[in-house]
PDB file of all heavy atoms in Angstrom:
ATOM      1  N   ASN A   1    -166.417  16.112 -57.062  1.00  0.00           N
ATOM      2  CA  ASN A   1    -165.363  17.060 -57.471  1.00  0.00           C
ATOM      3  C   ASN A   1    -164.757  16.540 -58.757  1.00  0.00           C
ATOM      4  O   ASN A   1    -165.237  15.561 -59.327  1.00  0.00           O
ATOM      5  CB  ASN A   1    -164.325  17.266 -56.361  1.00  0.00           C
ATOM      6  CG  ASN A   1    -163.626  16.011 -55.950  1.00  0.00           C
ATOM      7  OD1 ASN A   1    -163.450  15.098 -56.769  1.00  0.00           O
ATOM      8  ND2 ASN A   1    -163.230  15.923 -54.701  1.00  0.00           N
ATOM      9  N   ARG A   2    -163.733  17.179 -59.223  1.00  0.00           N
ATOM     10  CA  ARG A   2    -163.152  16.823 -60.499  1.00  0.00           C
ATOM     11  C   ARG A   2    -162.646  15.377 -60.522  1.00  0.00           C
ATOM     12  O   ARG A   2    -162.679  14.708 -61.554  1.00  0.00           O
ATOM     13  CB  ARG A   2    -162.001  17.778 -60.796  1.00  0.00           C
ATOM     14  CG  ARG A   2    -161.493  17.709 -62.188  1.00  0.00           C
ATOM     15  CD  ARG A   2    -160.492  18.771 -62.482  1.00  0.00           C
ATOM     16  NE  ARG A   2    -159.949  19.369 -61.272  1.00  0.00           N
ATOM     17  CZ  ARG A   2    -158.989  20.238 -61.232  1.00  0.00           C
ATOM     18  NH1 ARG A   2    -158.421  20.623 -62.341  1.00  0.00           N
ATOM     19  NH2 ARG A   2    -158.544  20.737 -60.105  1.00  0.00           N
ATOM     20  N   GLY A   3    -162.185  14.867 -59.379  1.00  0.00           N
ATOM     21  CA  GLY A   3    -161.579  13.537 -59.344  1.00  0.00           C
ATOM     22  C   GLY A   3    -162.500  12.382 -59.065  1.00  0.00           C
ATOM     23  O   GLY A   3    -162.109  11.227 -59.190  1.00  0.00           O
ATOM     24  N   GLY A   4    -163.756  12.657 -58.689  1.00  0.00           N
ATOM     25  CA  GLY A   4    -164.684  11.591 -58.381  1.00  0.00           C
ATOM     26  C   GLY A   4    -165.856  12.065 -57.545  1.00  0.00           C
ATOM     27  O   GLY A   4    -166.232  13.239 -57.633  1.00  0.00           O
ATOM     28  N   VAL A   5    -166.411  11.174 -56.736  1.00  0.00           N
ATOM     29  CA  VAL A   5    -167.590  11.520 -55.942  1.00  0.00           C
ATOM     30  C   VAL A   5    -167.334  11.260 -54.463  1.00  0.00           C
ATOM     31  O   VAL A   5    -166.495  10.439 -54.101  1.00  0.00           O
ATOM     32  CB  VAL A   5    -168.873  10.784 -56.396  1.00  0.00           C
ATOM     33  CG1 VAL A   5    -169.223  11.134 -57.833  1.00  0.00           C
ATOM     34  CG2 VAL A   5    -168.725   9.278 -56.254  1.00  0.00           C
ATOM     35  N   ILE A   6    -168.068  11.976 -53.613  1.00  0.00           N
ATOM     36  CA  ILE A   6    -168.003  11.844 -52.162  1.00  0.00           C
ATOM     37  C   ILE A   6    -169.259  11.134 -51.692  1.00  0.00           C
ATOM     38  O   ILE A   6    -170.362  11.509 -52.059  1.00  0.00           O
ATOM     39  CB  ILE A   6    -167.939  13.231 -51.464  1.00  0.00           C
ATOM     40  CG1 ILE A   6    -166.901  14.156 -52.093  1.00  0.00           C
ATOM     41  CG2 ILE A   6    -167.773  13.079 -49.967  1.00  0.00           C
ATOM     42  CD1 ILE A   6    -165.483  13.754 -51.915  1.00  0.00           C
ATOM     43  N   VAL A   7    -169.072  10.093 -50.875  1.00  0.00           N
ATOM     44  CA  VAL A   7    -170.171   9.326 -50.318  1.00  0.00           C
ATOM     45  C   VAL A   7    -170.024   9.325 -48.811  1.00  0.00           C
ATOM     46  O   VAL A   7    -168.944   9.057 -48.294  1.00  0.00           O
ATOM     47  CB  VAL A   7    -170.162   7.875 -50.849  1.00  0.00           C
ATOM     48  CG1 VAL A   7    -171.248   7.047 -50.202  1.00  0.00           C
ATOM     49  CG2 VAL A   7    -170.312   7.838 -52.361  1.00  0.00           C
ATOM     50  N   ARG A   8    -171.086   9.639 -48.097  1.00  0.00           N
ATOM     51  CA  ARG A   8    -171.042   9.648 -46.633  1.00  0.00           C
ATOM     52  C   ARG A   8    -171.411   8.275 -46.074  1.00  0.00           C
ATOM     53  O   ARG A   8    -172.373   7.665 -46.506  1.00  0.00           O
ATOM     54  CB  ARG A   8    -171.982  10.682 -46.053  1.00  0.00           C
ATOM     55  CG  ARG A   8    -171.474  12.085 -46.189  1.00  0.00           C
ATOM     56  CD  ARG A   8    -172.257  13.022 -45.290  1.00  0.00           C
ATOM     57  NE  ARG A   8    -171.705  14.361 -45.313  1.00  0.00           N
ATOM     58  CZ  ARG A   8    -170.695  14.751 -44.582  1.00  0.00           C
ATOM     59  NH1 ARG A   8    -170.120  13.930 -43.738  1.00  0.00           N
ATOM     60  NH2 ARG A   8    -170.239  15.982 -44.664  1.00  0.00           N
ATOM     61  N   ILE A   9    -170.634   7.839 -45.094  1.00  0.00           N
ATOM     62  CA  ILE A   9    -171.009   6.694 -44.276  1.00  0.00           C
ATOM     63  C   ILE A   9    -171.210   7.290 -42.895  1.00  0.00           C
ATOM     64  O   ILE A   9    -170.270   7.448 -42.122  1.00  0.00           O
ATOM     65  CB  ILE A   9    -169.896   5.623 -44.243  1.00  0.00           C
ATOM     66  CG1 ILE A   9    -169.643   5.077 -45.652  1.00  0.00           C
ATOM     67  CG2 ILE A   9    -170.272   4.502 -43.301  1.00  0.00           C
ATOM     68  CD1 ILE A   9    -168.551   4.019 -45.710  1.00  0.00           C
ATOM     69  N   GLY A  10    -172.423   7.729 -42.642  1.00  0.00           N
ATOM     70  CA  GLY A  10    -172.714   8.434 -41.392  1.00  0.00           C
ATOM     71  C   GLY A  10    -172.009   9.770 -41.372  1.00  0.00           C
ATOM     72  O   GLY A  10    -172.206  10.624 -42.230  1.00  0.00           O
ATOM     73  N   GLN A  11    -171.118   9.979 -40.408  1.00  0.00           N
ATOM     74  CA  GLN A  11    -170.374  11.226 -40.265  1.00  0.00           C
ATOM     75  C   GLN A  11    -169.091  11.257 -41.099  1.00  0.00           C
ATOM     76  O   GLN A  11    -168.478  12.285 -41.261  1.00  0.00           O
ATOM     77  CB  GLN A  11    -169.979  11.436 -38.786  1.00  0.00           C
ATOM     78  CG  GLN A  11    -171.140  11.526 -37.834  1.00  0.00           C
ATOM     79  CD  GLN A  11    -171.752  12.899 -37.859  1.00  0.00           C
ATOM     80  OE1 GLN A  11    -171.053  13.893 -37.953  1.00  0.00           O
ATOM     81  NE2 GLN A  11    -173.058  12.958 -37.748  1.00  0.00           N
ATOM     82  N   VAL A  12    -168.687  10.089 -41.606  1.00  0.00           N
ATOM     83  CA  VAL A  12    -167.410   9.975 -42.320  1.00  0.00           C
ATOM     84  C   VAL A  12    -167.642  10.126 -43.819  1.00  0.00           C
ATOM     85  O   VAL A  12    -168.551   9.557 -44.385  1.00  0.00           O
ATOM     86  CB  VAL A  12    -166.757   8.602 -42.017  1.00  0.00           C
ATOM     87  CG1 VAL A  12    -165.469   8.431 -42.771  1.00  0.00           C
ATOM     88  CG2 VAL A  12    -166.517   8.443 -40.529  1.00  0.00           C
ATOM     89  N   ARG A  13    -166.737  10.918 -44.438  1.00  0.00           N
ATOM     90  CA  ARG A  13    -166.819  11.123 -45.886  1.00  0.00           C
ATOM     91  C   ARG A  13    -165.866  10.168 -46.587  1.00  0.00           C
ATOM     92  O   ARG A  13    -164.683  10.156 -46.295  1.00  0.00           O
ATOM     93  CB  ARG A  13    -166.440  12.559 -46.231  1.00  0.00           C
ATOM     94  CG  ARG A  13    -167.458  13.579 -45.767  1.00  0.00           C
ATOM     95  CD  ARG A  13    -166.934  14.997 -45.864  1.00  0.00           C
ATOM     96  NE  ARG A  13    -166.124  15.240 -47.047  1.00  0.00           N
ATOM     97  CZ  ARG A  13    -166.358  16.209 -47.915  1.00  0.00           C
ATOM     98  NH1 ARG A  13    -167.342  17.022 -47.741  1.00  0.00           N
ATOM     99  NH2 ARG A  13    -165.565  16.363 -48.976  1.00  0.00           N
ATOM    100  N   GLY A  14    -166.425   9.371 -47.496  1.00  0.00           N
ATOM    101  CA  GLY A  14    -165.620   8.462 -48.299  1.00  0.00           C
ATOM    102  C   GLY A  14    -165.486   9.008 -49.710  1.00  0.00           C
ATOM    103  O   GLY A  14    -166.387   9.684 -50.208  1.00  0.00           O
ATOM    104  N   PHE A  15    -164.387   8.696 -50.368  1.00  0.00           N
ATOM    105  CA  PHE A  15    -164.144   9.187 -51.713  1.00  0.00           C
ATOM    106  C   PHE A  15    -164.119   8.023 -52.688  1.00  0.00           C
ATOM    107  O   PHE A  15    -163.469   7.008 -52.442  1.00  0.00           O
ATOM    108  CB  PHE A  15    -162.811   9.935 -51.761  1.00  0.00           C
ATOM    109  CG  PHE A  15    -162.463  10.513 -53.119  1.00  0.00           C
ATOM    110  CD1 PHE A  15    -163.244  11.506 -53.668  1.00  0.00           C
ATOM    111  CD2 PHE A  15    -161.383  10.031 -53.819  1.00  0.00           C
ATOM    112  CE1 PHE A  15    -162.943  12.041 -54.920  1.00  0.00           C
ATOM    113  CE2 PHE A  15    -161.076  10.560 -55.057  1.00  0.00           C
ATOM    114  CZ  PHE A  15    -161.853  11.558 -55.616  1.00  0.00           C
ATOM    115  N   VAL A  16    -164.848   8.169 -53.809  1.00  0.00           N
ATOM    116  CA  VAL A  16    -164.814   7.191 -54.875  1.00  0.00           C
ATOM    117  C   VAL A  16    -164.084   7.853 -56.050  1.00  0.00           C
ATOM    118  O   VAL A  16    -164.670   8.717 -56.723  1.00  0.00           O
ATOM    119  CB  VAL A  16    -166.227   6.743 -55.312  1.00  0.00           C
ATOM    120  CG1 VAL A  16    -166.151   5.643 -56.352  1.00  0.00           C
ATOM    121  CG2 VAL A  16    -167.073   6.303 -54.122  1.00  0.00           C
ATOM    122  N   PRO A  17    -162.837   7.490 -56.315  1.00  0.00           N
ATOM    123  CA  PRO A  17    -162.111   8.111 -57.426  1.00  0.00           C
ATOM    124  C   PRO A  17    -162.771   7.764 -58.757  1.00  0.00           C
ATOM    125  O   PRO A  17    -163.423   6.732 -58.893  1.00  0.00           O
ATOM    126  CB  PRO A  17    -160.730   7.492 -57.346  1.00  0.00           C
ATOM    127  CG  PRO A  17    -160.647   6.746 -56.071  1.00  0.00           C
ATOM    128  CD  PRO A  17    -162.039   6.504 -55.602  1.00  0.00           C
ATOM    129  N   ALA A  18    -162.553   8.622 -59.734  1.00  0.00           N
ATOM    130  CA  ALA A  18    -163.133   8.398 -61.078  1.00  0.00           C
ATOM    131  C   ALA A  18    -162.749   7.037 -61.621  1.00  0.00           C
ATOM    132  O   ALA A  18    -163.551   6.374 -62.276  1.00  0.00           O
ATOM    133  CB  ALA A  18    -162.699   9.504 -62.030  1.00  0.00           C
ATOM    134  N   SER A  19    -161.536   6.575 -61.342  1.00  0.00           N
ATOM    135  CA  SER A  19    -161.077   5.272 -61.844  1.00  0.00           C
ATOM    136  C   SER A  19    -161.834   4.107 -61.219  1.00  0.00           C
ATOM    137  O   SER A  19    -161.829   3.007 -61.744  1.00  0.00           O
ATOM    138  CB  SER A  19    -159.580   5.105 -61.592  1.00  0.00           C
ATOM    139  OG  SER A  19    -159.320   5.095 -60.189  1.00  0.00           O
ATOM    140  N   GLN A  20    -162.494   4.348 -60.089  1.00  0.00           N
ATOM    141  CA  GLN A  20    -163.255   3.293 -59.405  1.00  0.00           C
ATOM    142  C   GLN A  20    -164.766   3.392 -59.631  1.00  0.00           C
ATOM    143  O   GLN A  20    -165.533   2.673 -59.009  1.00  0.00           O
ATOM    144  CB  GLN A  20    -162.937   3.320 -57.905  1.00  0.00           C
ATOM    145  CG  GLN A  20    -161.510   2.980 -57.586  1.00  0.00           C
ATOM    146  CD  GLN A  20    -161.143   1.570 -58.009  1.00  0.00           C
ATOM    147  OE1 GLN A  20    -161.936   0.637 -57.935  1.00  0.00           O
ATOM    148  NE2 GLN A  20    -159.923   1.394 -58.509  1.00  0.00           N
ATOM    149  N   LEU A  21    -165.181   4.316 -60.492  1.00  0.00           N
ATOM    150  CA  LEU A  21    -166.605   4.472 -60.810  1.00  0.00           C
ATOM    151  C   LEU A  21    -166.908   3.680 -62.060  1.00  0.00           C
ATOM    152  O   LEU A  21    -166.168   3.731 -63.045  1.00  0.00           O
ATOM    153  CB  LEU A  21    -166.946   5.934 -61.040  1.00  0.00           C
ATOM    154  CG  LEU A  21    -167.069   6.797 -59.796  1.00  0.00           C
ATOM    155  CD1 LEU A  21    -167.099   8.271 -60.174  1.00  0.00           C
ATOM    156  CD2 LEU A  21    -168.324   6.439 -59.018  1.00  0.00           C
ATOM    157  N   SER A  22    -168.040   2.961 -62.051  1.00  0.00           N
ATOM    158  CA  SER A  22    -168.468   2.298 -63.273  1.00  0.00           C
ATOM    159  C   SER A  22    -169.696   3.009 -63.856  1.00  0.00           C
ATOM    160  O   SER A  22    -170.070   2.737 -64.973  1.00  0.00           O
ATOM    161  CB  SER A  22    -168.776   0.815 -63.012  1.00  0.00           C
ATOM    162  OG  SER A  22    -169.792   0.662 -62.052  1.00  0.00           O
ATOM    163  N   SER A  23    -170.291   3.918 -63.070  1.00  0.00           N
ATOM    164  CA  SER A  23    -171.423   4.703 -63.568  1.00  0.00           C
ATOM    165  C   SER A  23    -170.909   5.689 -64.594  1.00  0.00           C
ATOM    166  O   SER A  23    -169.844   6.286 -64.402  1.00  0.00           O
ATOM    167  CB  SER A  23    -172.095   5.462 -62.441  1.00  0.00           C
ATOM    168  OG  SER A  23    -172.584   4.563 -61.477  1.00  0.00           O
ATOM    169  N   PRO A  24    -171.655   5.904 -65.679  1.00  0.00           N
ATOM    170  CA  PRO A  24    -171.189   6.828 -66.716  1.00  0.00           C
ATOM    171  C   PRO A  24    -171.216   8.269 -66.234  1.00  0.00           C
ATOM    172  O   PRO A  24    -172.076   8.675 -65.454  1.00  0.00           O
ATOM    173  CB  PRO A  24    -172.165   6.624 -67.852  1.00  0.00           C
ATOM    174  CG  PRO A  24    -173.409   6.077 -67.212  1.00  0.00           C
ATOM    175  CD  PRO A  24    -172.960   5.314 -65.996  1.00  0.00           C
ATOM    176  N   ALA A  25    -170.243   9.051 -66.733  1.00  0.00           N
ATOM    177  CA  ALA A  25    -170.185  10.474 -66.433  1.00  0.00           C
ATOM    178  C   ALA A  25    -171.303  11.192 -67.171  1.00  0.00           C
ATOM    179  O   ALA A  25    -171.782  10.722 -68.204  1.00  0.00           O
ATOM    180  CB  ALA A  25    -168.831  11.034 -66.824  1.00  0.00           C
ATOM    181  N   GLY A  26    -171.686  12.345 -66.663  1.00  0.00           N
ATOM    182  CA  GLY A  26    -172.802  13.086 -67.234  1.00  0.00           C
ATOM    183  C   GLY A  26    -172.486  13.772 -68.544  1.00  0.00           C
ATOM    184  O   GLY A  26    -173.336  13.903 -69.396  1.00  0.00           O
ATOM    185  N   THR A  27    -171.247  14.223 -68.743  1.00  0.00           N
ATOM    186  CA  THR A  27    -170.895  14.936 -69.971  1.00  0.00           C
ATOM    187  C   THR A  27    -169.741  14.222 -70.676  1.00  0.00           C
ATOM    188  O   THR A  27    -169.033  13.425 -70.065  1.00  0.00           O
ATOM    189  CB  THR A  27    -170.458  16.394 -69.665  1.00  0.00           C
ATOM    190  OG1 THR A  27    -169.290  16.353 -68.871  1.00  0.00           O
ATOM    191  CG2 THR A  27    -171.553  17.157 -68.961  1.00  0.00           C
ATOM    192  N   ASP A  28    -169.572  14.514 -71.937  1.00  0.00           N
ATOM    193  CA  ASP A  28    -168.485  13.896 -72.698  1.00  0.00           C
ATOM    194  C   ASP A  28    -167.149  14.554 -72.413  1.00  0.00           C
ATOM    195  O   ASP A  28    -166.090  13.981 -72.651  1.00  0.00           O
ATOM    196  CB  ASP A  28    -168.781  13.997 -74.207  1.00  0.00           C
ATOM    197  CG  ASP A  28    -169.981  13.148 -74.569  1.00  0.00           C
ATOM    198  OD1 ASP A  28    -170.267  12.166 -73.844  1.00  0.00           O
ATOM    199  OD2 ASP A  28    -170.618  13.438 -75.601  1.00  0.00           O
ATOM    200  N   ASP A  29    -167.178  15.789 -71.919  1.00  0.00           N
ATOM    201  CA  ASP A  29    -165.960  16.531 -71.648  1.00  0.00           C
ATOM    202  C   ASP A  29    -165.280  15.966 -70.396  1.00  0.00           C
ATOM    203  O   ASP A  29    -165.752  16.134 -69.280  1.00  0.00           O
ATOM    204  CB  ASP A  29    -166.289  18.026 -71.447  1.00  0.00           C
ATOM    205  CG  ASP A  29    -165.048  18.868 -71.214  1.00  0.00           C
ATOM    206  OD1 ASP A  29    -163.921  18.323 -71.397  1.00  0.00           O
ATOM    207  OD2 ASP A  29    -165.200  20.042 -70.858  1.00  0.00           O
ATOM    208  N   GLU A  30    -164.183  15.270 -70.593  1.00  0.00           N
ATOM    209  CA  GLU A  30    -163.471  14.615 -69.486  1.00  0.00           C
ATOM    210  C   GLU A  30    -162.935  15.609 -68.467  1.00  0.00           C
ATOM    211  O   GLU A  30    -162.716  15.270 -67.329  1.00  0.00           O
ATOM    212  CB  GLU A  30    -162.322  13.753 -70.026  1.00  0.00           C
ATOM    213  CG  GLU A  30    -162.805  12.500 -70.725  1.00  0.00           C
ATOM    214  CD  GLU A  30    -163.531  11.544 -69.787  1.00  0.00           C
ATOM    215  OE1 GLU A  30    -163.048  11.296 -68.673  1.00  0.00           O
ATOM    216  OE2 GLU A  30    -164.608  11.083 -70.171  1.00  0.00           O
ATOM    217  N   ASN A  31    -162.665  16.832 -68.847  1.00  0.00           N
ATOM    218  CA  ASN A  31    -162.097  17.823 -67.930  1.00  0.00           C
ATOM    219  C   ASN A  31    -163.143  18.682 -67.240  1.00  0.00           C
ATOM    220  O   ASN A  31    -162.829  19.537 -66.448  1.00  0.00           O
ATOM    221  CB  ASN A  31    -161.104  18.739 -68.681  1.00  0.00           C
ATOM    222  CG  ASN A  31    -159.925  17.943 -69.199  1.00  0.00           C
ATOM    223  OD1 ASN A  31    -159.479  17.013 -68.520  1.00  0.00           O
ATOM    224  ND2 ASN A  31    -159.463  18.263 -70.382  1.00  0.00           N
ATOM    225  N   SER A  32    -164.388  18.448 -67.553  1.00  0.00           N
ATOM    226  CA  SER A  32    -165.455  19.248 -66.957  1.00  0.00           C
ATOM    227  C   SER A  32    -165.543  18.982 -65.451  1.00  0.00           C
ATOM    228  O   SER A  32    -165.483  17.840 -65.019  1.00  0.00           O
ATOM    229  CB  SER A  32    -166.796  18.893 -67.615  1.00  0.00           C
ATOM    230  OG  SER A  32    -167.844  19.552 -66.976  1.00  0.00           O
ATOM    231  N   ASP A  33    -165.667  20.063 -64.666  1.00  0.00           N
ATOM    232  CA  ASP A  33    -165.745  19.941 -63.207  1.00  0.00           C
ATOM    233  C   ASP A  33    -167.042  19.300 -62.747  1.00  0.00           C
ATOM    234  O   ASP A  33    -167.123  18.777 -61.653  1.00  0.00           O
ATOM    235  CB  ASP A  33    -165.573  21.290 -62.538  1.00  0.00           C
ATOM    236  CG  ASP A  33    -164.124  21.782 -62.601  1.00  0.00           C
ATOM    237  OD1 ASP A  33    -163.248  20.959 -62.924  1.00  0.00           O
ATOM    238  OD2 ASP A  33    -163.905  22.971 -62.322  1.00  0.00           O
ATOM    239  N   ASP A  34    -168.105  19.367 -63.563  1.00  0.00           N
ATOM    240  CA  ASP A  34    -169.394  18.849 -63.107  1.00  0.00           C
ATOM    241  C   ASP A  34    -169.831  17.585 -63.856  1.00  0.00           C
ATOM    242  O   ASP A  34    -171.008  17.285 -63.939  1.00  0.00           O
ATOM    243  CB  ASP A  34    -170.465  19.935 -63.217  1.00  0.00           C
ATOM    244  CG  ASP A  34    -170.700  20.391 -64.640  1.00  0.00           C
ATOM    245  OD1 ASP A  34    -169.904  20.029 -65.542  1.00  0.00           O
ATOM    246  OD2 ASP A  34    -171.697  21.106 -64.860  1.00  0.00           O
ATOM    247  N   ARG A  35    -168.873  16.797 -64.332  1.00  0.00           N
ATOM    248  CA  ARG A  35    -169.253  15.586 -65.072  1.00  0.00           C
ATOM    249  C   ARG A  35    -169.896  14.528 -64.186  1.00  0.00           C
ATOM    250  O   ARG A  35    -170.543  13.635 -64.694  1.00  0.00           O
ATOM    251  CB  ARG A  35    -168.042  15.018 -65.810  1.00  0.00           C
ATOM    252  CG  ARG A  35    -166.949  14.513 -64.916  1.00  0.00           C
ATOM    253  CD  ARG A  35    -165.784  14.026 -65.717  1.00  0.00           C
ATOM    254  NE  ARG A  35    -164.644  13.839 -64.847  1.00  0.00           N
ATOM    255  CZ  ARG A  35    -163.599  13.128 -65.165  1.00  0.00           C
ATOM    256  NH1 ARG A  35    -163.525  12.575 -66.325  1.00  0.00           N
ATOM    257  NH2 ARG A  35    -162.606  13.000 -64.314  1.00  0.00           N
ATOM    258  N   TRP A  36    -169.729  14.628 -62.888  1.00  0.00           N
ATOM    259  CA  TRP A  36    -170.347  13.647 -61.968  1.00  0.00           C
ATOM    260  C   TRP A  36    -171.630  14.175 -61.347  1.00  0.00           C
ATOM    261  O   TRP A  36    -172.189  13.545 -60.460  1.00  0.00           O
ATOM    262  CB  TRP A  36    -169.348  13.278 -60.870  1.00  0.00           C
ATOM    263  CG  TRP A  36    -168.032  12.821 -61.385  1.00  0.00           C
ATOM    264  CD1 TRP A  36    -166.829  13.442 -61.206  1.00  0.00           C
ATOM    265  CD2 TRP A  36    -167.752  11.663 -62.189  1.00  0.00           C
ATOM    266  NE1 TRP A  36    -165.834  12.755 -61.850  1.00  0.00           N
ATOM    267  CE2 TRP A  36    -166.366  11.669 -62.454  1.00  0.00           C
ATOM    268  CE3 TRP A  36    -168.536  10.645 -62.716  1.00  0.00           C
ATOM    269  CZ2 TRP A  36    -165.773  10.663 -63.215  1.00  0.00           C
ATOM    270  CZ3 TRP A  36    -167.943   9.666 -63.466  1.00  0.00           C
ATOM    271  CH2 TRP A  36    -166.579   9.685 -63.721  1.00  0.00           C
ATOM    272  N   SER A  37    -172.094  15.331 -61.783  1.00  0.00           N
ATOM    273  CA  SER A  37    -173.272  15.940 -61.181  1.00  0.00           C
ATOM    274  C   SER A  37    -174.528  15.073 -61.318  1.00  0.00           C
ATOM    275  O   SER A  37    -175.409  15.115 -60.467  1.00  0.00           O
ATOM    276  CB  SER A  37    -173.538  17.322 -61.777  1.00  0.00           C
ATOM    277  OG  SER A  37    -173.800  17.219 -63.160  1.00  0.00           O
ATOM    278  N   ASN A  38    -174.624  14.253 -62.375  1.00  0.00           N
ATOM    279  CA  ASN A  38    -175.784  13.394 -62.539  1.00  0.00           C
ATOM    280  C   ASN A  38    -175.855  12.275 -61.482  1.00  0.00           C
ATOM    281  O   ASN A  38    -176.888  11.685 -61.255  1.00  0.00           O
ATOM    282  CB  ASN A  38    -175.829  12.786 -63.947  1.00  0.00           C
ATOM    283  CG  ASN A  38    -174.649  11.850 -64.212  1.00  0.00           C
ATOM    284  OD1 ASN A  38    -173.537  12.104 -63.746  1.00  0.00           O
ATOM    285  ND2 ASN A  38    -174.904  10.789 -64.946  1.00  0.00           N
ATOM    286  N   LEU A  39    -174.727  12.001 -60.803  1.00  0.00           N
ATOM    287  CA  LEU A  39    -174.696  10.978 -59.764  1.00  0.00           C
ATOM    288  C   LEU A  39    -175.092  11.523 -58.396  1.00  0.00           C
ATOM    289  O   LEU A  39    -175.458  10.765 -57.509  1.00  0.00           O
ATOM    290  CB  LEU A  39    -173.294  10.375 -59.666  1.00  0.00           C
ATOM    291  CG  LEU A  39    -172.775   9.630 -60.900  1.00  0.00           C
ATOM    292  CD1 LEU A  39    -171.353   9.158 -60.655  1.00  0.00           C
ATOM    293  CD2 LEU A  39    -173.676   8.475 -61.246  1.00  0.00           C
ATOM    294  N   GLN A  40    -175.044  12.841 -58.218  1.00  0.00           N
ATOM    295  CA  GLN A  40    -175.343  13.443 -56.915  1.00  0.00           C
ATOM    296  C   GLN A  40    -176.757  13.111 -56.494  1.00  0.00           C
ATOM    297  O   GLN A  40    -177.696  13.284 -57.259  1.00  0.00           O
ATOM    298  CB  GLN A  40    -175.129  14.950 -56.937  1.00  0.00           C
ATOM    299  CG  GLN A  40    -175.176  15.565 -55.568  1.00  0.00           C
ATOM    300  CD  GLN A  40    -174.668  17.001 -55.579  1.00  0.00           C
ATOM    301  OE1 GLN A  40    -174.308  17.552 -56.606  1.00  0.00           O
ATOM    302  NE2 GLN A  40    -174.676  17.600 -54.408  1.00  0.00           N
ATOM    303  N   GLY A  41    -176.905  12.657 -55.256  1.00  0.00           N
ATOM    304  CA  GLY A  41    -178.229  12.274 -54.718  1.00  0.00           C
ATOM    305  C   GLY A  41    -178.600  10.862 -55.020  1.00  0.00           C
ATOM    306  O   GLY A  41    -179.458  10.274 -54.364  1.00  0.00           O
TER     307      GLY A  41
END
């Protein structure tokens, strides 16, 4: 989502806020809703 990525630990959804990500965002536009799409999967 806009604020970071969701990671599942089994049935539980964990959230990694953008401030805690070291992987680069997909687009240069910081306000883009899909800047983390390259991390999905």
